[in-house]
Amino acid sequence: MADPHHGQCVSAVFITFSGNCKKALTHYQSCFGGDLQFELFGKTLPGQAGPPVVNGSLVSDCIIIHGSDLVHDEGRTLGNYIAIFLRCKNAADRKELIGKLGARKTRPVTAHEDGNQLIEVTDAFDVRWVLGV
């Protein structure tokens, strides 16, 4: 997986999940390890199965992901609004991470001068990841 001492790791990202933050961050914990914390809203809101996550965080050696179920007034729009870049140790490590993320689709992005491709992965939560080696 991404090498925290390589200098290419993401320090922190914030993602709005709109209803499945706890499930998403728990999934990412299975991919990256680390510690999870959740701050829940005091009551269930209309259309929610339980109290929404106000702020959740996953802190691992190689990435910090913050998230929430609460969205802006204009709502959440899925699409290419964000991609998280991670540099993996090697191609085998990247392949393992793609499997752990539960990739719905993958596609090559570009090749570097050293011949290593960047691969874009869209996971089960519609988050885009760009994985290099």
N, C-alpha and C. Protein backbone atom coordinates (compact mmCIF):
# COMPACT_ATOMS: atom_id res chain seq x y z
N MET A 1 0.82 -1.18 0.00
CA MET A 1 0.00 0.00 0.00
C MET A 1 0.87 1.24 0.00
N ALA A 2 0.23 2.35 0.05
CA ALA A 2 0.98 3.60 0.00
C ALA A 2 1.99 3.65 1.13
N ASP A 3 3.17 4.15 0.84
CA ASP A 3 4.26 4.23 1.80
C ASP A 3 4.21 5.57 2.51
N PRO A 4 3.93 5.61 3.82
CA PRO A 4 3.79 6.88 4.51
C PRO A 4 5.08 7.68 4.56
N HIS A 5 6.22 7.05 4.31
CA HIS A 5 7.50 7.74 4.37
C HIS A 5 8.00 8.14 3.00
N HIS A 6 7.23 7.85 1.96
CA HIS A 6 7.64 8.15 0.59
C HIS A 6 7.40 9.60 0.23
N GLY A 7 6.53 10.29 0.96
CA GLY A 7 6.26 11.70 0.69
C GLY A 7 5.14 11.91 -0.30
N GLN A 8 4.51 10.86 -0.79
CA GLN A 8 3.46 10.99 -1.78
C GLN A 8 2.08 10.67 -1.22
N CYS A 9 1.99 10.39 0.07
CA CYS A 9 0.70 10.02 0.65
C CYS A 9 -0.18 11.24 0.86
N VAL A 10 -1.46 11.02 0.81
CA VAL A 10 -2.44 12.05 1.11
C VAL A 10 -2.40 12.28 2.61
N SER A 11 -2.33 13.53 3.02
CA SER A 11 -2.31 13.79 4.46
C SER A 11 -3.72 13.70 5.04
N ALA A 12 -4.70 14.29 4.37
CA ALA A 12 -6.07 14.22 4.86
C ALA A 12 -7.04 14.61 3.75
N VAL A 13 -8.19 13.95 3.73
CA VAL A 13 -9.27 14.30 2.80
C VAL A 13 -10.57 14.33 3.58
N PHE A 14 -11.54 15.07 3.08
CA PHE A 14 -12.88 15.12 3.66
C PHE A 14 -13.87 14.76 2.57
N ILE A 15 -14.75 13.78 2.84
CA ILE A 15 -15.72 13.31 1.86
C ILE A 15 -17.11 13.33 2.48
N THR A 16 -18.07 13.89 1.76
CA THR A 16 -19.47 13.85 2.20
C THR A 16 -20.10 12.59 1.61
N PHE A 17 -20.63 11.74 2.46
CA PHE A 17 -21.20 10.47 2.02
C PHE A 17 -22.71 10.46 1.95
N SER A 18 -23.38 11.35 2.63
CA SER A 18 -24.83 11.48 2.55
C SER A 18 -25.59 10.20 2.87
N GLY A 19 -25.39 9.68 4.08
CA GLY A 19 -26.20 8.54 4.51
C GLY A 19 -25.43 7.27 4.76
N ASN A 20 -24.24 7.12 4.22
CA ASN A 20 -23.51 5.87 4.43
C ASN A 20 -22.06 6.11 4.89
N CYS A 21 -21.84 7.18 5.63
CA CYS A 21 -20.50 7.53 6.09
C CYS A 21 -19.90 6.43 6.96
N LYS A 22 -20.66 5.93 7.91
CA LYS A 22 -20.14 4.90 8.83
C LYS A 22 -19.75 3.65 8.06
N LYS A 23 -20.59 3.24 7.15
CA LYS A 23 -20.31 2.05 6.33
C LYS A 23 -19.06 2.28 5.46
N ALA A 24 -18.97 3.47 4.86
CA ALA A 24 -17.83 3.77 3.98
C ALA A 24 -16.52 3.81 4.75
N LEU A 25 -16.49 4.53 5.89
CA LEU A 25 -15.25 4.62 6.65
C LEU A 25 -14.85 3.28 7.24
N THR A 26 -15.83 2.46 7.61
CA THR A 26 -15.53 1.11 8.10
C THR A 26 -14.92 0.28 6.97
N HIS A 27 -15.44 0.44 5.76
CA HIS A 27 -14.87 -0.25 4.60
C HIS A 27 -13.43 0.20 4.36
N TYR A 28 -13.18 1.52 4.40
CA TYR A 28 -11.84 2.03 4.17
C TYR A 28 -10.88 1.56 5.27
N GLN A 29 -11.39 1.36 6.48
CA GLN A 29 -10.55 0.82 7.55
C GLN A 29 -10.08 -0.59 7.19
N SER A 30 -10.95 -1.38 6.54
CA SER A 30 -10.54 -2.72 6.12
C SER A 30 -9.49 -2.67 5.01
N CYS A 31 -9.44 -1.55 4.28
CA CYS A 31 -8.45 -1.38 3.21
C CYS A 31 -7.11 -0.87 3.75
N PHE A 32 -7.15 0.10 4.66
CA PHE A 32 -5.94 0.81 5.09
C PHE A 32 -5.55 0.56 6.54
N GLY A 33 -6.43 -0.11 7.32
CA GLY A 33 -6.16 -0.23 8.75
C GLY A 33 -6.44 1.10 9.42
N GLY A 34 -5.99 1.24 10.65
CA GLY A 34 -6.13 2.51 11.35
C GLY A 34 -7.27 2.51 12.36
N ASP A 35 -7.46 3.68 12.96
CA ASP A 35 -8.45 3.86 14.01
C ASP A 35 -9.61 4.70 13.52
N LEU A 36 -10.83 4.29 13.90
CA LEU A 36 -12.06 4.99 13.52
C LEU A 36 -12.67 5.70 14.71
N GLN A 37 -13.22 6.87 14.47
CA GLN A 37 -14.01 7.58 15.47
C GLN A 37 -15.21 8.21 14.78
N PHE A 38 -16.35 8.18 15.47
CA PHE A 38 -17.57 8.77 14.93
C PHE A 38 -18.22 9.68 15.95
N GLU A 39 -18.71 10.83 15.50
CA GLU A 39 -19.54 11.73 16.29
C GLU A 39 -20.91 11.71 15.62
N LEU A 40 -21.91 11.19 16.34
CA LEU A 40 -23.25 11.04 15.77
C LEU A 40 -24.15 12.19 16.19
N PHE A 41 -25.11 12.51 15.30
CA PHE A 41 -26.14 13.49 15.61
C PHE A 41 -27.01 12.92 16.71
N GLY A 42 -27.59 13.75 17.55
CA GLY A 42 -28.34 13.30 18.71
C GLY A 42 -29.64 12.57 18.42
N LYS A 43 -30.15 12.65 17.19
CA LYS A 43 -31.41 11.99 16.87
C LYS A 43 -31.43 11.59 15.40
N THR A 44 -32.39 10.76 15.06
CA THR A 44 -32.55 10.34 13.67
C THR A 44 -33.29 11.41 12.89
N LEU A 45 -32.82 11.70 11.70
CA LEU A 45 -33.46 12.69 10.83
C LEU A 45 -34.38 11.99 9.84
N PRO A 46 -35.37 12.69 9.29
CA PRO A 46 -36.26 12.07 8.30
C PRO A 46 -35.46 11.48 7.13
N GLY A 47 -35.83 10.26 6.76
CA GLY A 47 -35.17 9.59 5.64
C GLY A 47 -33.90 8.85 6.04
N GLN A 48 -33.52 8.89 7.32
CA GLN A 48 -32.32 8.21 7.80
C GLN A 48 -32.73 6.99 8.63
N ALA A 49 -31.92 5.93 8.55
CA ALA A 49 -32.20 4.72 9.31
C ALA A 49 -31.78 4.87 10.77
N GLY A 50 -30.84 5.74 11.04
CA GLY A 50 -30.36 5.98 12.40
C GLY A 50 -29.78 7.38 12.46
N PRO A 51 -29.19 7.73 13.59
CA PRO A 51 -28.58 9.06 13.69
C PRO A 51 -27.45 9.22 12.68
N PRO A 52 -27.43 10.32 11.94
CA PRO A 52 -26.37 10.52 10.95
C PRO A 52 -25.03 10.82 11.61
N VAL A 53 -23.95 10.54 10.87
CA VAL A 53 -22.61 10.86 11.32
C VAL A 53 -22.36 12.34 11.06
N VAL A 54 -22.10 13.10 12.12
CA VAL A 54 -21.75 14.52 11.97
C VAL A 54 -20.30 14.61 11.50
N ASN A 55 -19.43 13.85 12.14
CA ASN A 55 -18.03 13.82 11.75
C ASN A 55 -17.47 12.44 12.06
N GLY A 56 -16.88 11.83 11.07
CA GLY A 56 -16.19 10.56 11.25
C GLY A 56 -14.77 10.71 10.79
N SER A 57 -13.88 9.94 11.38
CA SER A 57 -12.49 10.01 10.93
C SER A 57 -11.84 8.64 10.99
N LEU A 58 -11.04 8.37 9.97
CA LEU A 58 -10.19 7.20 9.91
C LEU A 58 -8.76 7.71 9.84
N VAL A 59 -7.95 7.30 10.79
CA VAL A 59 -6.56 7.72 10.81
C VAL A 59 -5.71 6.45 10.71
N SER A 60 -4.99 6.33 9.58
CA SER A 60 -4.09 5.19 9.39
C SER A 60 -2.69 5.72 9.12
N ASP A 61 -1.74 4.83 8.93
CA ASP A 61 -0.36 5.23 8.67
C ASP A 61 -0.20 5.96 7.35
N CYS A 62 -1.09 5.70 6.39
CA CYS A 62 -0.87 6.27 5.06
C CYS A 62 -1.95 7.24 4.59
N ILE A 63 -3.07 7.34 5.31
CA ILE A 63 -4.11 8.26 4.87
C ILE A 63 -5.01 8.62 6.05
N ILE A 64 -5.53 9.82 6.02
CA ILE A 64 -6.52 10.27 6.98
C ILE A 64 -7.76 10.66 6.19
N ILE A 65 -8.88 10.03 6.51
CA ILE A 65 -10.13 10.33 5.82
C ILE A 65 -11.15 10.82 6.85
N HIS A 66 -11.65 12.03 6.63
CA HIS A 66 -12.73 12.57 7.43
C HIS A 66 -13.99 12.52 6.58
N GLY A 67 -15.13 12.31 7.20
CA GLY A 67 -16.37 12.26 6.44
C GLY A 67 -17.57 12.62 7.28
N SER A 68 -18.70 12.82 6.60
CA SER A 68 -19.94 13.19 7.25
C SER A 68 -21.12 12.74 6.40
N ASP A 69 -22.25 12.52 7.07
CA ASP A 69 -23.50 12.26 6.36
C ASP A 69 -24.24 13.56 6.05
N LEU A 70 -23.85 14.65 6.67
CA LEU A 70 -24.54 15.93 6.49
C LEU A 70 -24.03 16.62 5.23
N VAL A 71 -24.95 17.02 4.39
CA VAL A 71 -24.59 17.63 3.11
C VAL A 71 -24.96 19.11 3.10
N HIS A 72 -24.36 19.84 2.16
CA HIS A 72 -24.72 21.24 1.97
C HIS A 72 -26.17 21.34 1.52
N ASP A 73 -26.73 22.52 1.63
CA ASP A 73 -28.12 22.75 1.24
C ASP A 73 -28.40 22.35 -0.20
N GLU A 74 -27.40 22.49 -1.09
CA GLU A 74 -27.62 22.14 -2.49
C GLU A 74 -27.51 20.64 -2.76
N GLY A 75 -27.18 19.85 -1.74
CA GLY A 75 -27.10 18.41 -1.91
C GLY A 75 -25.74 17.95 -2.40
N ARG A 76 -25.59 16.66 -2.56
CA ARG A 76 -24.35 16.05 -3.01
C ARG A 76 -24.52 15.61 -4.45
N THR A 77 -23.56 15.96 -5.28
CA THR A 77 -23.58 15.56 -6.68
C THR A 77 -22.45 14.57 -6.92
N LEU A 78 -22.81 13.38 -7.36
CA LEU A 78 -21.79 12.39 -7.68
C LEU A 78 -21.11 12.76 -8.97
N GLY A 79 -19.87 12.38 -9.09
CA GLY A 79 -19.15 12.68 -10.32
C GLY A 79 -17.68 12.86 -10.09
N ASN A 80 -17.07 13.62 -10.97
CA ASN A 80 -15.62 13.74 -10.93
C ASN A 80 -15.16 14.95 -10.12
N TYR A 81 -15.84 15.24 -9.03
CA TYR A 81 -15.51 16.40 -8.22
C TYR A 81 -14.29 16.18 -7.34
N ILE A 82 -13.87 14.95 -7.13
CA ILE A 82 -12.72 14.67 -6.29
C ILE A 82 -12.10 13.34 -6.71
N ALA A 83 -10.79 13.28 -6.62
CA ALA A 83 -10.07 12.01 -6.77
C ALA A 83 -8.96 12.03 -5.75
N ILE A 84 -8.76 10.93 -5.08
CA ILE A 84 -7.72 10.82 -4.07
C ILE A 84 -6.53 10.09 -4.69
N PHE A 85 -5.35 10.72 -4.66
CA PHE A 85 -4.16 10.12 -5.23
C PHE A 85 -3.36 9.41 -4.15
N LEU A 86 -3.00 8.16 -4.43
CA LEU A 86 -2.10 7.40 -3.57
C LEU A 86 -1.03 6.76 -4.42
N ARG A 87 0.21 6.83 -3.97
CA ARG A 87 1.31 6.13 -4.62
C ARG A 87 1.52 4.82 -3.88
N CYS A 88 1.41 3.71 -4.60
CA CYS A 88 1.60 2.39 -4.02
C CYS A 88 3.06 1.96 -4.18
N LYS A 89 3.49 0.98 -3.38
CA LYS A 89 4.87 0.52 -3.41
C LYS A 89 5.24 -0.09 -4.76
N ASN A 90 4.31 -0.89 -5.32
CA ASN A 90 4.57 -1.58 -6.58
C ASN A 90 3.23 -2.00 -7.19
N ALA A 91 3.30 -2.61 -8.38
CA ALA A 91 2.07 -2.99 -9.09
C ALA A 91 1.26 -4.03 -8.32
N ALA A 92 1.95 -4.96 -7.66
CA ALA A 92 1.23 -6.00 -6.91
C ALA A 92 0.49 -5.38 -5.72
N ASP A 93 1.12 -4.43 -5.05
CA ASP A 93 0.50 -3.73 -3.94
C ASP A 93 -0.73 -2.94 -4.41
N ARG A 94 -0.59 -2.31 -5.58
CA ARG A 94 -1.71 -1.56 -6.14
C ARG A 94 -2.87 -2.49 -6.49
N LYS A 95 -2.56 -3.63 -7.07
CA LYS A 95 -3.61 -4.60 -7.43
C LYS A 95 -4.36 -5.07 -6.19
N GLU A 96 -3.63 -5.30 -5.11
CA GLU A 96 -4.26 -5.71 -3.86
C GLU A 96 -5.19 -4.62 -3.33
N LEU A 97 -4.73 -3.37 -3.39
CA LEU A 97 -5.55 -2.26 -2.92
C LEU A 97 -6.81 -2.09 -3.77
N ILE A 98 -6.70 -2.27 -5.08
CA ILE A 98 -7.87 -2.19 -5.96
C ILE A 98 -8.91 -3.21 -5.52
N GLY A 99 -8.47 -4.42 -5.19
CA GLY A 99 -9.39 -5.45 -4.70
C GLY A 99 -10.03 -5.07 -3.38
N LYS A 100 -9.23 -4.52 -2.47
CA LYS A 100 -9.76 -4.14 -1.16
C LYS A 100 -10.76 -3.00 -1.25
N LEU A 101 -10.52 -2.07 -2.16
CA LEU A 101 -11.44 -0.95 -2.31
C LEU A 101 -12.79 -1.38 -2.88
N GLY A 102 -12.86 -2.58 -3.46
CA GLY A 102 -14.11 -3.04 -4.05
C GLY A 102 -14.44 -2.27 -5.31
N ALA A 103 -13.43 -2.11 -6.15
CA ALA A 103 -13.56 -1.27 -7.34
C ALA A 103 -14.73 -1.69 -8.21
N ARG A 104 -15.58 -0.72 -8.53
CA ARG A 104 -16.68 -0.95 -9.48
C ARG A 104 -16.16 -0.83 -10.90
N LYS A 105 -15.19 0.07 -11.10
CA LYS A 105 -14.59 0.19 -12.43
C LYS A 105 -13.17 0.74 -12.29
N THR A 106 -12.33 0.35 -13.22
CA THR A 106 -10.96 0.86 -13.26
C THR A 106 -10.65 1.25 -14.69
N ARG A 107 -9.73 2.22 -14.82
CA ARG A 107 -9.28 2.59 -16.15
C ARG A 107 -7.90 3.22 -16.05
N PRO A 108 -7.05 2.97 -17.04
CA PRO A 108 -5.75 3.64 -17.04
C PRO A 108 -5.94 5.14 -17.28
N VAL A 109 -5.13 5.95 -16.61
CA VAL A 109 -5.22 7.39 -16.78
C VAL A 109 -4.14 7.86 -17.74
N THR A 110 -2.89 7.56 -17.42
CA THR A 110 -1.77 8.00 -18.24
C THR A 110 -0.55 7.18 -17.87
N ALA A 111 0.44 7.20 -18.73
CA ALA A 111 1.71 6.53 -18.43
C ALA A 111 2.76 7.60 -18.16
N HIS A 112 3.55 7.38 -17.12
CA HIS A 112 4.69 8.26 -16.84
C HIS A 112 5.84 7.89 -17.74
N GLU A 113 6.85 8.76 -17.77
CA GLU A 113 8.03 8.49 -18.58
C GLU A 113 8.74 7.21 -18.15
N ASP A 114 8.55 6.78 -16.89
CA ASP A 114 9.17 5.53 -16.44
C ASP A 114 8.34 4.31 -16.80
N GLY A 115 7.22 4.51 -17.51
CA GLY A 115 6.39 3.39 -17.97
C GLY A 115 5.30 2.98 -17.01
N ASN A 116 5.25 3.55 -15.82
CA ASN A 116 4.22 3.18 -14.85
C ASN A 116 2.95 3.98 -15.09
N GLN A 117 1.86 3.27 -15.20
CA GLN A 117 0.58 3.93 -15.43
C GLN A 117 -0.07 4.35 -14.14
N LEU A 118 -0.83 5.43 -14.23
CA LEU A 118 -1.76 5.78 -13.17
C LEU A 118 -3.07 5.08 -13.51
N ILE A 119 -3.71 4.53 -12.51
CA ILE A 119 -4.99 3.85 -12.72
C ILE A 119 -6.04 4.54 -11.87
N GLU A 120 -7.17 4.88 -12.51
CA GLU A 120 -8.28 5.48 -11.79
C GLU A 120 -9.26 4.37 -11.41
N VAL A 121 -9.65 4.37 -10.15
CA VAL A 121 -10.56 3.37 -9.61
C VAL A 121 -11.76 4.09 -9.02
N THR A 122 -12.95 3.63 -9.33
CA THR A 122 -14.16 4.14 -8.68
C THR A 122 -14.66 3.04 -7.76
N ASP A 123 -14.76 3.37 -6.46
CA ASP A 123 -15.14 2.33 -5.49
C ASP A 123 -16.65 2.26 -5.30
N ALA A 124 -17.07 1.42 -4.38
CA ALA A 124 -18.49 1.19 -4.15
C ALA A 124 -19.23 2.41 -3.61
N PHE A 125 -18.48 3.44 -3.17
CA PHE A 125 -19.10 4.65 -2.63
C PHE A 125 -18.98 5.82 -3.60
N ASP A 126 -18.68 5.53 -4.86
CA ASP A 126 -18.53 6.52 -5.93
C ASP A 126 -17.40 7.51 -5.67
N VAL A 127 -16.40 7.09 -4.89
CA VAL A 127 -15.20 7.89 -4.68
C VAL A 127 -14.16 7.44 -5.69
N ARG A 128 -13.51 8.42 -6.34
CA ARG A 128 -12.48 8.11 -7.32
C ARG A 128 -11.11 8.14 -6.66
N TRP A 129 -10.31 7.13 -6.98
CA TRP A 129 -8.95 7.01 -6.49
C TRP A 129 -8.04 6.96 -7.70
N VAL A 130 -6.93 7.68 -7.66
CA VAL A 130 -5.90 7.58 -8.70
C VAL A 130 -4.70 6.93 -8.02
N LEU A 131 -4.34 5.74 -8.50
CA LEU A 131 -3.29 4.95 -7.87
C LEU A 131 -2.07 4.86 -8.77
N GLY A 132 -0.95 5.29 -8.26
CA GLY A 132 0.32 5.22 -8.99
C GLY A 132 1.24 4.21 -8.37
N VAL A 133 2.34 3.94 -9.05
CA VAL A 133 3.41 3.09 -8.48
C VAL A 133 4.73 3.81 -8.64
